[in-house]
């Protein structure tokens, strides 16, 4: 009962499905969830850690308010090029600044404050990404972490659960998305 993806996203999904790592894609359900959250939150500056073929970035960018922008970082030039191509087709490329390189280095170069951060990259580094972006998160900012029902992300879940700087809720969409908000 979720709104269907656009034609561009459907074609992106079809091309992504041909890849051996296709399961890494956010896909229609989680993409619609991200788009809805961004439409509600209306972030001026968003950060995406982990682009893959671009589904999540397109969804985020499509719901940004006028003047809003997304900085999207990934280490894979090939999949980022695919993401750029589909962002162009979707008409949102002007809202996305792609950065190719290690996420930790990219985050260190950025000032913020970020209104919204989406973490969906190398799972063993989730705690490091979180600790790098939390000081750069706006006072009313939100971090969304993907795959949080995965066993490999359990140390991250415990880290966030035990962090009194934030409050969080794990939503069981696909393999889990945790919404994390800085305490006021």
C-alpha atoms as a PDB file:
ATOM      1  CA  UNK A   1       0.000   0.000   0.000  1.00  0.00           C
ATOM      2  CA  UNK A   2       3.001   2.283  -0.528  1.00  0.00           C
ATOM      3  CA  UNK A   3       3.104   4.834  -3.339  1.00  0.00           C
ATOM      4  CA  UNK A   4       4.869   3.270  -6.326  1.00  0.00           C
ATOM      5  CA  UNK A   5       8.306   4.470  -7.444  1.00  0.00           C
ATOM      6  CA  UNK A   6       8.664   6.886 -10.317  1.00  0.00           C
ATOM      7  CA  UNK A   7       9.567   5.560 -13.744  1.00  0.00           C
ATOM      8  CA  UNK A   8      13.162   6.725 -13.245  1.00  0.00           C
ATOM      9  CA  UNK A   9      13.448   4.857  -9.947  1.00  0.00           C
ATOM     10  CA  UNK A  10      11.824   1.763 -11.454  1.00  0.00           C
ATOM     11  CA  UNK A  11      14.453   1.765 -14.226  1.00  0.00           C
ATOM     12  CA  UNK A  12      17.213   2.384 -11.658  1.00  0.00           C
ATOM     13  CA  UNK A  13      15.915  -0.618  -9.715  1.00  0.00           C
ATOM     14  CA  UNK A  14      15.925  -2.783 -12.838  1.00  0.00           C
ATOM     15  CA  UNK A  15      19.513  -1.830 -13.706  1.00  0.00           C
ATOM     16  CA  UNK A  16      20.637  -2.270 -10.099  1.00  0.00           C
ATOM     17  CA  UNK A  17      19.001  -5.719  -9.987  1.00  0.00           C
ATOM     18  CA  UNK A  18      21.502  -6.871 -12.636  1.00  0.00           C
ATOM     19  CA  UNK A  19      24.379  -6.276 -10.225  1.00  0.00           C
ATOM     20  CA  UNK A  20      25.685  -9.046  -7.934  1.00  0.00           C
ATOM     21  CA  UNK A  21      25.421  -6.634  -4.978  1.00  0.00           C
ATOM     22  CA  UNK A  22      21.853  -5.532  -5.801  1.00  0.00           C
ATOM     23  CA  UNK A  23      20.625  -6.289  -2.269  1.00  0.00           C
ATOM     24  CA  UNK A  24      22.455  -3.155  -1.116  1.00  0.00           C
ATOM     25  CA  UNK A  25      19.831  -0.925  -2.769  1.00  0.00           C
ATOM     26  CA  UNK A  26      17.324   0.884  -0.585  1.00  0.00           C
ATOM     27  CA  UNK A  27      14.418   0.087  -2.930  1.00  0.00           C
ATOM     28  CA  UNK A  28      10.807   1.267  -3.133  1.00  0.00           C
ATOM     29  CA  UNK A  29       9.543   0.779   0.437  1.00  0.00           C
ATOM     30  CA  UNK A  30      12.464   2.308   2.290  1.00  0.00           C
ATOM     31  CA  UNK A  31      12.865   4.949  -0.422  1.00  0.00           C
ATOM     32  CA  UNK A  32       9.262   6.074   0.063  1.00  0.00           C
ATOM     33  CA  UNK A  33       9.834   6.116   3.842  1.00  0.00           C
ATOM     34  CA  UNK A  34      12.932   8.323   3.433  1.00  0.00           C
ATOM     35  CA  UNK A  35      11.111  10.661   1.059  1.00  0.00           C
ATOM     36  CA  UNK A  36       8.224  11.022   3.539  1.00  0.00           C
ATOM     37  CA  UNK A  37      10.581  11.766   6.447  1.00  0.00           C
ATOM     38  CA  UNK A  38      12.494  14.348   4.421  1.00  0.00           C
ATOM     39  CA  UNK A  39       9.227  15.981   3.301  1.00  0.00           C
ATOM     40  CA  UNK A  40       8.171  16.229   6.954  1.00  0.00           C
ATOM     41  CA  UNK A  41      11.569  17.354   8.283  1.00  0.00           C
ATOM     42  CA  UNK A  42      12.368  19.811   5.454  1.00  0.00           C
ATOM     43  CA  UNK A  43      16.169  19.758   5.942  1.00  0.00           C
ATOM     44  CA  UNK A  44      18.212  22.577   4.431  1.00  0.00           C
ATOM     45  CA  UNK A  45      21.394  20.482   4.486  1.00  0.00           C
ATOM     46  CA  UNK A  46      21.427  16.684   4.395  1.00  0.00           C
ATOM     47  CA  UNK A  47      24.294  14.214   4.317  1.00  0.00           C
ATOM     48  CA  UNK A  48      24.197  10.714   2.866  1.00  0.00           C
ATOM     49  CA  UNK A  49      26.964   8.294   3.817  1.00  0.00           C
ATOM     50  CA  UNK A  50      26.820   5.500   1.255  1.00  0.00           C
ATOM     51  CA  UNK A  51      25.338   6.237  -2.170  1.00  0.00           C
ATOM     52  CA  UNK A  52      25.474   2.879  -3.999  1.00  0.00           C
ATOM     53  CA  UNK A  53      23.408   3.308  -7.216  1.00  0.00           C
ATOM     54  CA  UNK A  54      21.500   6.327  -5.946  1.00  0.00           C
ATOM     55  CA  UNK A  55      17.970   5.324  -4.942  1.00  0.00           C
ATOM     56  CA  UNK A  56      18.094   6.871  -1.463  1.00  0.00           C
ATOM     57  CA  UNK A  57      19.777  10.054  -2.661  1.00  0.00           C
ATOM     58  CA  UNK A  58      17.158  10.614  -5.342  1.00  0.00           C
ATOM     59  CA  UNK A  59      14.373  10.077  -2.803  1.00  0.00           C
ATOM     60  CA  UNK A  60      15.996  12.462  -0.303  1.00  0.00           C
ATOM     61  CA  UNK A  61      16.739  15.128  -2.924  1.00  0.00           C
ATOM     62  CA  UNK A  62      13.231  14.946  -4.388  1.00  0.00           C
ATOM     63  CA  UNK A  63      11.702  15.940  -1.045  1.00  0.00           C
ATOM     64  CA  UNK A  64      14.154  18.700  -0.075  1.00  0.00           C
ATOM     65  CA  UNK A  65      12.694  22.182   0.352  1.00  0.00           C
ATOM     66  CA  UNK A  66      13.643  24.940  -2.112  1.00  0.00           C
ATOM     67  CA  UNK A  67      17.343  25.669  -1.635  1.00  0.00           C
ATOM     68  CA  UNK A  68      17.919  22.413   0.242  1.00  0.00           C
ATOM     69  CA  UNK A  69      20.887  20.288  -0.713  1.00  0.00           C
ATOM     70  CA  UNK A  70      22.306  16.854  -0.167  1.00  0.00           C
ATOM     71  CA  UNK A  71      25.976  15.953   0.127  1.00  0.00           C
ATOM     72  CA  UNK A  72      26.272  12.305  -0.908  1.00  0.00           C
ATOM     73  CA  UNK A  73      29.518  10.426  -0.267  1.00  0.00           C
ATOM     74  CA  UNK A  74      30.692   7.004  -1.341  1.00  0.00           C
ATOM     75  CA  UNK A  75      33.988   5.276  -2.146  1.00  0.00           C
ATOM     76  CA  UNK A  76      32.860   3.642  -5.394  1.00  0.00           C
ATOM     77  CA  UNK A  77      33.232   5.827  -8.491  1.00  0.00           C
ATOM     78  CA  UNK A  78      31.365   3.346 -10.729  1.00  0.00           C
ATOM     79  CA  UNK A  79      28.173   3.193  -8.657  1.00  0.00           C
ATOM     80  CA  UNK A  80      28.352   6.925  -7.919  1.00  0.00           C
ATOM     81  CA  UNK A  81      28.467   7.601 -11.689  1.00  0.00           C
ATOM     82  CA  UNK A  82      25.314   5.500 -12.039  1.00  0.00           C
ATOM     83  CA  UNK A  83      23.703   7.478  -9.210  1.00  0.00           C
ATOM     84  CA  UNK A  84      24.615  10.762 -10.931  1.00  0.00           C
ATOM     85  CA  UNK A  85      23.110   9.576 -14.217  1.00  0.00           C
ATOM     86  CA  UNK A  86      19.795   8.668 -12.612  1.00  0.00           C
ATOM     87  CA  UNK A  87      19.741  11.843 -10.493  1.00  0.00           C
ATOM     88  CA  UNK A  88      20.043  13.805 -13.766  1.00  0.00           C
ATOM     89  CA  UNK A  89      17.136  11.837 -15.249  1.00  0.00           C
ATOM     90  CA  UNK A  90      15.083  12.402 -12.091  1.00  0.00           C
ATOM     91  CA  UNK A  91      15.742  16.156 -12.273  1.00  0.00           C
ATOM     92  CA  UNK A  92      17.384  16.359  -8.831  1.00  0.00           C
ATOM     93  CA  UNK A  93      21.101  16.400  -9.710  1.00  0.00           C
ATOM     94  CA  UNK A  94      21.303  20.144  -9.011  1.00  0.00           C
ATOM     95  CA  UNK A  95      20.421  19.417  -5.344  1.00  0.00           C
ATOM     96  CA  UNK A  96      23.075  16.710  -4.857  1.00  0.00           C
ATOM     97  CA  UNK A  97      26.813  17.198  -4.399  1.00  0.00           C
ATOM     98  CA  UNK A  98      28.542  13.852  -4.881  1.00  0.00           C
ATOM     99  CA  UNK A  99      31.831  13.237  -3.104  1.00  0.00           C
ATOM    100  CA  UNK A 100      33.916  10.150  -3.896  1.00  0.00           C
ATOM    101  CA  UNK A 101      36.344   9.086  -1.180  1.00  0.00           C
ATOM    102  CA  UNK A 102      36.434   7.610   2.322  1.00  0.00           C
ATOM    103  CA  UNK A 103      33.469   8.846   4.354  1.00  0.00           C
ATOM    104  CA  UNK A 104      35.560   9.740   7.406  1.00  0.00           C
ATOM    105  CA  UNK A 105      37.723  12.073   5.319  1.00  0.00           C
ATOM    106  CA  UNK A 106      34.708  13.639   3.637  1.00  0.00           C
ATOM    107  CA  UNK A 107      32.901  14.196   6.950  1.00  0.00           C
ATOM    108  CA  UNK A 108      36.034  15.824   8.418  1.00  0.00           C
ATOM    109  CA  UNK A 109      36.033  18.329   5.534  1.00  0.00           C
ATOM    110  CA  UNK A 110      32.396  19.345   6.076  1.00  0.00           C
ATOM    111  CA  UNK A 111      31.136  21.949   8.505  1.00  0.00           C
ATOM    112  CA  UNK A 112      27.428  21.263   8.816  1.00  0.00           C
ATOM    113  CA  UNK A 113      25.225  21.755  10.631  1.00  0.00           C
ATOM    114  CA  UNK A 114      23.318  18.870   9.096  1.00  0.00           C
ATOM    115  CA  UNK A 115      19.573  18.738   9.540  1.00  0.00           C
ATOM    116  CA  UNK A 116      19.432  15.129   8.393  1.00  0.00           C
ATOM    117  CA  UNK A 117      22.062  12.393   7.987  1.00  0.00           C
ATOM    118  CA  UNK A 118      21.433   9.012   6.344  1.00  0.00           C
ATOM    119  CA  UNK A 119      24.012   6.327   7.171  1.00  0.00           C
ATOM    120  CA  UNK A 120      24.040   3.330   4.840  1.00  0.00           C
ATOM    121  CA  UNK A 121      27.663   2.393   4.224  1.00  0.00           C
ATOM    122  CA  UNK A 122      30.310  -0.003   5.569  1.00  0.00           C
ATOM    123  CA  UNK A 123      28.590  -1.557   8.622  1.00  0.00           C
ATOM    124  CA  UNK A 124      31.693  -2.009  10.848  1.00  0.00           C
ATOM    125  CA  UNK A 125      32.251   1.769  10.649  1.00  0.00           C
ATOM    126  CA  UNK A 126      28.755   2.859  11.719  1.00  0.00           C
ATOM    127  CA  UNK A 127      29.927   3.943  15.183  1.00  0.00           C
ATOM    128  CA  UNK A 128      32.725   6.011  13.632  1.00  0.00           C
ATOM    129  CA  UNK A 129      30.314   7.666  11.168  1.00  0.00           C
ATOM    130  CA  UNK A 130      27.885   8.382  13.996  1.00  0.00           C
ATOM    131  CA  UNK A 131      30.528   9.928  16.241  1.00  0.00           C
ATOM    132  CA  UNK A 132      31.860  12.015  13.336  1.00  0.00           C
ATOM    133  CA  UNK A 133      28.465  13.452  12.372  1.00  0.00           C
ATOM    134  CA  UNK A 134      26.837  13.882  15.792  1.00  0.00           C
ATOM    135  CA  UNK A 135      28.841  17.043  16.649  1.00  0.00           C
ATOM    136  CA  UNK A 136      27.914  18.437  13.223  1.00  0.00           C
ATOM    137  CA  UNK A 137      24.206  17.678  13.612  1.00  0.00           C
ATOM    138  CA  UNK A 138      21.852  20.648  13.959  1.00  0.00           C
ATOM    139  CA  UNK A 139      20.143  21.001  17.336  1.00  0.00           C
ATOM    140  CA  UNK A 140      16.933  19.587  15.878  1.00  0.00           C
ATOM    141  CA  UNK A 141      18.756  17.274  13.469  1.00  0.00           C
ATOM    142  CA  UNK A 142      18.055  13.626  12.801  1.00  0.00           C
ATOM    143  CA  UNK A 143      20.308  10.706  11.922  1.00  0.00           C
ATOM    144  CA  UNK A 144      18.791   7.764  10.066  1.00  0.00           C
ATOM    145  CA  UNK A 145      20.842   4.565  10.155  1.00  0.00           C
ATOM    146  CA  UNK A 146      19.989   1.750   7.754  1.00  0.00           C
ATOM    147  CA  UNK A 147      20.255  -2.024   8.233  1.00  0.00           C
ATOM    148  CA  UNK A 148      19.929  -1.808  12.005  1.00  0.00           C
ATOM    149  CA  UNK A 149      18.190  -5.178  12.276  1.00  0.00           C
ATOM    150  CA  UNK A 150      21.345  -6.749  10.829  1.00  0.00           C
ATOM    151  CA  UNK A 151      23.533  -8.601  13.304  1.00  0.00           C
ATOM    152  CA  UNK A 152      26.632  -6.806  12.000  1.00  0.00           C
ATOM    153  CA  UNK A 153      25.147  -3.498  13.173  1.00  0.00           C
ATOM    154  CA  UNK A 154      24.383  -4.705  16.719  1.00  0.00           C
ATOM    155  CA  UNK A 155      27.437  -2.975  18.287  1.00  0.00           C
ATOM    156  CA  UNK A 156      26.216   0.290  16.746  1.00  0.00           C
ATOM    157  CA  UNK A 157      22.706  -0.264  18.128  1.00  0.00           C
ATOM    158  CA  UNK A 158      24.110  -0.797  21.630  1.00  0.00           C
ATOM    159  CA  UNK A 159      26.341   2.270  21.286  1.00  0.00           C
ATOM    160  CA  UNK A 160      23.381   4.483  20.352  1.00  0.00           C
ATOM    161  CA  UNK A 161      21.112   2.916  22.980  1.00  0.00           C
ATOM    162  CA  UNK A 162      23.671   3.744  25.667  1.00  0.00           C
ATOM    163  CA  UNK A 163      24.298   7.310  24.456  1.00  0.00           C
ATOM    164  CA  UNK A 164      22.433   9.792  26.667  1.00  0.00           C
ATOM    165  CA  UNK A 165      23.007  12.576  24.106  1.00  0.00           C
ATOM    166  CA  UNK A 166      20.289  11.117  21.875  1.00  0.00           C
ATOM    167  CA  UNK A 167      16.969   9.336  21.791  1.00  0.00           C
ATOM    168  CA  UNK A 168      16.185   6.749  19.159  1.00  0.00           C
ATOM    169  CA  UNK A 169      13.614   4.385  17.743  1.00  0.00           C
ATOM    170  CA  UNK A 170      14.312   1.368  15.537  1.00  0.00           C
ATOM    171  CA  UNK A 171      11.657   1.033  12.845  1.00  0.00           C
ATOM    172  CA  UNK A 172      11.363  -2.482  11.347  1.00  0.00           C
ATOM    173  CA  UNK A 173      11.213  -1.442   7.705  1.00  0.00           C
ATOM    174  CA  UNK A 174      13.090  -3.955   5.535  1.00  0.00           C
ATOM    175  CA  UNK A 175      16.163  -4.733   7.650  1.00  0.00           C
ATOM    176  CA  UNK A 176      15.640  -1.824  10.023  1.00  0.00           C
ATOM    177  CA  UNK A 177      16.045   1.943  10.067  1.00  0.00           C
ATOM    178  CA  UNK A 178      16.909   3.677  13.329  1.00  0.00           C
ATOM    179  CA  UNK A 179      15.841   7.297  13.745  1.00  0.00           C
ATOM    180  CA  UNK A 180      18.174   9.126  16.108  1.00  0.00           C
ATOM    181  CA  UNK A 181      17.470  12.611  17.473  1.00  0.00           C
ATOM    182  CA  UNK A 182      19.761  14.781  19.571  1.00  0.00           C
ATOM    183  CA  UNK A 183      18.311  15.535  22.963  1.00  0.00           C
ATOM    184  CA  UNK A 184      17.516  19.202  23.516  1.00  0.00           C
END
